[in-house]
Amino acid sequence: MRRILKFALFIAVVIVAIGIWVSLSRGAKGEIEYWARWIAQMFGRGWKAVEGRF
């Protein structure tokens, strides 16, 4: 059971990494900003705290 969970987690990480790489290679800055805003909202910081780092 743990092997299946580890394998599923590994596959998910690989898929996310490929998605990020494809977005970067296409120059999709707007998409990256969208995800950065979403992550910032998830952590409750708001967009202003993250915007200064770009």
PDB file of N, CA and C in Angstrom:
ATOM      1  N   MET A   1       0.829  -1.205   0.000  1.00  0.00           N
ATOM      2  CA  MET A   1       0.000   0.000   0.000  1.00  0.00           C
ATOM      3  C   MET A   1       0.868   1.262   0.000  1.00  0.00           C
ATOM      4  N   ARG A   2       1.917   1.267   0.816  1.00  0.00           N
ATOM      5  CA  ARG A   2       2.780   2.445   0.879  1.00  0.00           C
ATOM      6  C   ARG A   2       3.529   2.637  -0.433  1.00  0.00           C
ATOM      7  N   ARG A   3       3.887   1.525  -1.085  1.00  0.00           N
ATOM      8  CA  ARG A   3       4.571   1.637  -2.378  1.00  0.00           C
ATOM      9  C   ARG A   3       3.675   2.310  -3.400  1.00  0.00           C
ATOM     10  N   ILE A   4       2.399   1.946  -3.396  1.00  0.00           N
ATOM     11  CA  ILE A   4       1.453   2.540  -4.346  1.00  0.00           C
ATOM     12  C   ILE A   4       1.320   4.033  -4.081  1.00  0.00           C
ATOM     13  N   LEU A   5       1.237   4.426  -2.814  1.00  0.00           N
ATOM     14  CA  LEU A   5       1.122   5.843  -2.471  1.00  0.00           C
ATOM     15  C   LEU A   5       2.376   6.610  -2.873  1.00  0.00           C
ATOM     16  N   LYS A   6       3.541   6.038  -2.604  1.00  0.00           N
ATOM     17  CA  LYS A   6       4.790   6.701  -2.987  1.00  0.00           C
ATOM     18  C   LYS A   6       4.885   6.836  -4.502  1.00  0.00           C
ATOM     19  N   PHE A   7       4.487   5.792  -5.215  1.00  0.00           N
ATOM     20  CA  PHE A   7       4.526   5.829  -6.673  1.00  0.00           C
ATOM     21  C   PHE A   7       3.566   6.882  -7.215  1.00  0.00           C
ATOM     22  N   ALA A   8       2.357   6.946  -6.659  1.00  0.00           N
ATOM     23  CA  ALA A   8       1.370   7.937  -7.096  1.00  0.00           C
ATOM     24  C   ALA A   8       1.873   9.352  -6.821  1.00  0.00           C
ATOM     25  N   LEU A   9       2.488   9.565  -5.675  1.00  0.00           N
ATOM     26  CA  LEU A   9       3.042  10.879  -5.335  1.00  0.00           C
ATOM     27  C   LEU A   9       4.168  11.249  -6.300  1.00  0.00           C
ATOM     28  N   PHE A  10       5.023  10.287  -6.612  1.00  0.00           N
ATOM     29  CA  PHE A  10       6.124  10.519  -7.554  1.00  0.00           C
ATOM     30  C   PHE A  10       5.586  10.914  -8.931  1.00  0.00           C
ATOM     31  N   ILE A  11       4.569  10.192  -9.403  1.00  0.00           N
ATOM     32  CA  ILE A  11       3.968  10.497 -10.706  1.00  0.00           C
ATOM     33  C   ILE A  11       3.372  11.901 -10.698  1.00  0.00           C
ATOM     34  N   ALA A  12       2.684  12.269  -9.614  1.00  0.00           N
ATOM     35  CA  ALA A  12       2.081  13.603  -9.517  1.00  0.00           C
ATOM     36  C   ALA A  12       3.155  14.687  -9.564  1.00  0.00           C
ATOM     37  N   VAL A  13       4.254  14.485  -8.844  1.00  0.00           N
ATOM     38  CA  VAL A  13       5.349  15.465  -8.838  1.00  0.00           C
ATOM     39  C   VAL A  13       5.955  15.599 -10.231  1.00  0.00           C
ATOM     40  N   VAL A  14       6.140  14.480 -10.918  1.00  0.00           N
ATOM     41  CA  VAL A  14       6.703  14.511 -12.272  1.00  0.00           C
ATOM     42  C   VAL A  14       5.779  15.267 -13.221  1.00  0.00           C
ATOM     43  N   ILE A  15       4.472  15.011 -13.133  1.00  0.00           N
ATOM     44  CA  ILE A  15       3.510  15.691 -14.006  1.00  0.00           C
ATOM     45  C   ILE A  15       3.527  17.198 -13.751  1.00  0.00           C
ATOM     46  N   VAL A  16       3.557  17.592 -12.479  1.00  0.00           N
ATOM     47  CA  VAL A  16       3.598  19.019 -12.137  1.00  0.00           C
ATOM     48  C   VAL A  16       4.890  19.652 -12.648  1.00  0.00           C
ATOM     49  N   ALA A  17       6.013  18.956 -12.470  1.00  0.00           N
ATOM     50  CA  ALA A  17       7.297  19.490 -12.930  1.00  0.00           C
ATOM     51  C   ALA A  17       7.302  19.669 -14.448  1.00  0.00           C
ATOM     52  N   ILE A  18       6.752  18.707 -15.175  1.00  0.00           N
ATOM     53  CA  ILE A  18       6.680  18.820 -16.635  1.00  0.00           C
ATOM     54  C   ILE A  18       5.786  19.994 -17.027  1.00  0.00           C
ATOM     55  N   GLY A  19       4.673  20.158 -16.329  1.00  0.00           N
ATOM     56  CA  GLY A  19       3.776  21.281 -16.608  1.00  0.00           C
ATOM     57  C   GLY A  19       4.448  22.618 -16.397  1.00  0.00           C
ATOM     58  N   ILE A  20       5.213  22.752 -15.321  1.00  0.00           N
ATOM     59  CA  ILE A  20       5.939  23.998 -15.046  1.00  0.00           C
ATOM     60  C   ILE A  20       6.994  24.238 -16.123  1.00  0.00           C
ATOM     61  N   TRP A  21       7.714  23.191 -16.492  1.00  0.00           N
ATOM     62  CA  TRP A  21       8.765  23.323 -17.501  1.00  0.00           C
ATOM     63  C   TRP A  21       8.185  23.748 -18.850  1.00  0.00           C
ATOM     64  N   VAL A  22       7.057  23.153 -19.233  1.00  0.00           N
ATOM     65  CA  VAL A  22       6.414  23.518 -20.498  1.00  0.00           C
ATOM     66  C   VAL A  22       5.950  24.970 -20.448  1.00  0.00           C
ATOM     67  N   SER A  23       5.380  25.384 -19.317  1.00  0.00           N
ATOM     68  CA  SER A  23       4.928  26.767 -19.180  1.00  0.00           C
ATOM     69  C   SER A  23       6.096  27.735 -19.303  1.00  0.00           C
ATOM     70  N   LEU A  24       7.217  27.404 -18.671  1.00  0.00           N
ATOM     71  CA  LEU A  24       8.392  28.272 -18.740  1.00  0.00           C
ATOM     72  C   LEU A  24       8.964  28.319 -20.149  1.00  0.00           C
ATOM     73  N   SER A  25       8.991  27.174 -20.827  1.00  0.00           N
ATOM     74  CA  SER A  25       9.568  27.130 -22.168  1.00  0.00           C
ATOM     75  C   SER A  25       8.704  27.900 -23.165  1.00  0.00           C
ATOM     76  N   ARG A  26       7.417  27.987 -22.915  1.00  0.00           N
ATOM     77  CA  ARG A  26       6.532  28.760 -23.784  1.00  0.00           C
ATOM     78  C   ARG A  26       6.543  30.238 -23.413  1.00  0.00           C
ATOM     79  N   GLY A  27       7.110  30.568 -22.278  1.00  0.00           N
ATOM     80  CA  GLY A  27       7.137  31.956 -21.841  1.00  0.00           C
ATOM     81  C   GLY A  27       5.792  32.423 -21.314  1.00  0.00           C
ATOM     82  N   ALA A  28       5.061  31.522 -20.696  1.00  0.00           N
ATOM     83  CA  ALA A  28       3.728  31.845 -20.188  1.00  0.00           C
ATOM     84  C   ALA A  28       3.834  32.499 -18.812  1.00  0.00           C
ATOM     85  N   LYS A  29       4.287  33.753 -18.803  1.00  0.00           N
ATOM     86  CA  LYS A  29       4.484  34.456 -17.532  1.00  0.00           C
ATOM     87  C   LYS A  29       3.148  34.697 -16.822  1.00  0.00           C
ATOM     88  N   GLY A  30       2.100  34.978 -17.591  1.00  0.00           N
ATOM     89  CA  GLY A  30       0.790  35.225 -16.994  1.00  0.00           C
ATOM     90  C   GLY A  30       0.285  34.018 -16.222  1.00  0.00           C
ATOM     91  N   GLU A  31       0.541  32.829 -16.755  1.00  0.00           N
ATOM     92  CA  GLU A  31       0.107  31.606 -16.080  1.00  0.00           C
ATOM     93  C   GLU A  31       0.869  31.411 -14.774  1.00  0.00           C
ATOM     94  N   ILE A  32       2.171  31.723 -14.790  1.00  0.00           N
ATOM     95  CA  ILE A  32       2.981  31.590 -13.580  1.00  0.00           C
ATOM     96  C   ILE A  32       2.512  32.585 -12.524  1.00  0.00           C
ATOM     97  N   GLU A  33       2.181  33.819 -12.961  1.00  0.00           N
ATOM     98  CA  GLU A  33       1.670  34.818 -12.019  1.00  0.00           C
ATOM     99  C   GLU A  33       0.350  34.356 -11.425  1.00  0.00           C
ATOM    100  N   TYR A  34      -0.502  33.731 -12.243  1.00  0.00           N
ATOM    101  CA  TYR A  34      -1.781  33.219 -11.744  1.00  0.00           C
ATOM    102  C   TYR A  34      -1.556  32.185 -10.649  1.00  0.00           C
ATOM    103  N   TRP A  35      -0.646  31.249 -10.886  1.00  0.00           N
ATOM    104  CA  TRP A  35      -0.365  30.216  -9.886  1.00  0.00           C
ATOM    105  C   TRP A  35       0.274  30.811  -8.643  1.00  0.00           C
ATOM    106  N   ALA A  36       1.155  31.819  -8.826  1.00  0.00           N
ATOM    107  CA  ALA A  36       1.786  32.465  -7.674  1.00  0.00           C
ATOM    108  C   ALA A  36       0.734  33.154  -6.815  1.00  0.00           C
ATOM    109  N   ARG A  37      -0.229  33.803  -7.451  1.00  0.00           N
ATOM    110  CA  ARG A  37      -1.318  34.446  -6.695  1.00  0.00           C
ATOM    111  C   ARG A  37      -2.130  33.410  -5.941  1.00  0.00           C
ATOM    112  N   TRP A  38      -2.423  32.299  -6.614  1.00  0.00           N
ATOM    113  CA  TRP A  38      -3.232  31.254  -5.992  1.00  0.00           C
ATOM    114  C   TRP A  38      -2.517  30.671  -4.778  1.00  0.00           C
ATOM    115  N   ILE A  39      -1.209  30.404  -4.922  1.00  0.00           N
ATOM    116  CA  ILE A  39      -0.428  29.855  -3.812  1.00  0.00           C
ATOM    117  C   ILE A  39      -0.365  30.863  -2.673  1.00  0.00           C
ATOM    118  N   ALA A  40      -0.181  32.139  -3.002  1.00  0.00           N
ATOM    119  CA  ALA A  40      -0.128  33.176  -1.971  1.00  0.00           C
ATOM    120  C   ALA A  40      -1.450  33.259  -1.221  1.00  0.00           C
ATOM    121  N   GLN A  41      -2.559  33.132  -1.935  1.00  0.00           N
ATOM    122  CA  GLN A  41      -3.863  33.154  -1.274  1.00  0.00           C
ATOM    123  C   GLN A  41      -4.034  31.938  -0.378  1.00  0.00           C
ATOM    124  N   MET A  42      -3.516  30.791  -0.821  1.00  0.00           N
ATOM    125  CA  MET A  42      -3.621  29.581  -0.011  1.00  0.00           C
ATOM    126  C   MET A  42      -2.888  29.758   1.315  1.00  0.00           C
ATOM    127  N   PHE A  43      -1.763  30.454   1.291  1.00  0.00           N
ATOM    128  CA  PHE A  43      -1.000  30.674   2.515  1.00  0.00           C
ATOM    129  C   PHE A  43      -1.462  31.913   3.265  1.00  0.00           C
ATOM    130  N   GLY A  44      -2.441  32.638   2.706  1.00  0.00           N
ATOM    131  CA  GLY A  44      -3.030  33.774   3.400  1.00  0.00           C
ATOM    132  C   GLY A  44      -2.174  35.028   3.416  1.00  0.00           C
ATOM    133  N   ARG A  45      -1.167  35.102   2.576  1.00  0.00           N
ATOM    134  CA  ARG A  45      -0.300  36.280   2.558  1.00  0.00           C
ATOM    135  C   ARG A  45      -0.865  37.388   1.690  1.00  0.00           C
ATOM    136  N   GLY A  46      -1.586  36.995   0.641  1.00  0.00           N
ATOM    137  CA  GLY A  46      -2.046  37.985  -0.326  1.00  0.00           C
ATOM    138  C   GLY A  46      -1.013  38.182  -1.417  1.00  0.00           C
ATOM    139  N   TRP A  47      -1.431  38.810  -2.499  1.00  0.00           N
ATOM    140  CA  TRP A  47      -0.563  38.941  -3.668  1.00  0.00           C
ATOM    141  C   TRP A  47       0.547  39.948  -3.449  1.00  0.00           C
ATOM    142  N   LYS A  48       0.314  40.986  -2.651  1.00  0.00           N
ATOM    143  CA  LYS A  48       1.305  42.061  -2.487  1.00  0.00           C
ATOM    144  C   LYS A  48       2.614  41.543  -1.896  1.00  0.00           C
ATOM    145  N   ALA A  49       2.541  40.576  -0.997  1.00  0.00           N
ATOM    146  CA  ALA A  49       3.756  40.041  -0.379  1.00  0.00           C
ATOM    147  C   ALA A  49       4.618  39.297  -1.399  1.00  0.00           C
ATOM    148  N   VAL A  50       3.980  38.682  -2.389  1.00  0.00           N
ATOM    149  CA  VAL A  50       4.709  37.891  -3.381  1.00  0.00           C
ATOM    150  C   VAL A  50       5.154  38.764  -4.556  1.00  0.00           C
ATOM    151  N   GLU A  51       4.360  39.781  -4.876  1.00  0.00           N
ATOM    152  CA  GLU A  51       4.602  40.590  -6.069  1.00  0.00           C
ATOM    153  C   GLU A  51       5.972  41.267  -6.033  1.00  0.00           C
ATOM    154  N   GLY A  52       6.422  41.675  -4.879  1.00  0.00           N
ATOM    155  CA  GLY A  52       7.710  42.345  -4.760  1.00  0.00           C
ATOM    156  C   GLY A  52       8.893  41.449  -5.062  1.00  0.00           C
ATOM    157  N   ARG A  53       8.697  40.156  -5.035  1.00  0.00           N
ATOM    158  CA  ARG A  53       9.794  39.208  -5.259  1.00  0.00           C
ATOM    159  C   ARG A  53      10.026  38.920  -6.732  1.00  0.00           C
ATOM    160  N   PHE A  54       9.100  39.257  -7.596  1.00  0.00           N
ATOM    161  CA  PHE A  54       9.255  38.972  -9.026  1.00  0.00           C
ATOM    162  C   PHE A  54      10.134  40.017  -9.683  1.00  0.00           C
TER     163      PHE A  54
END
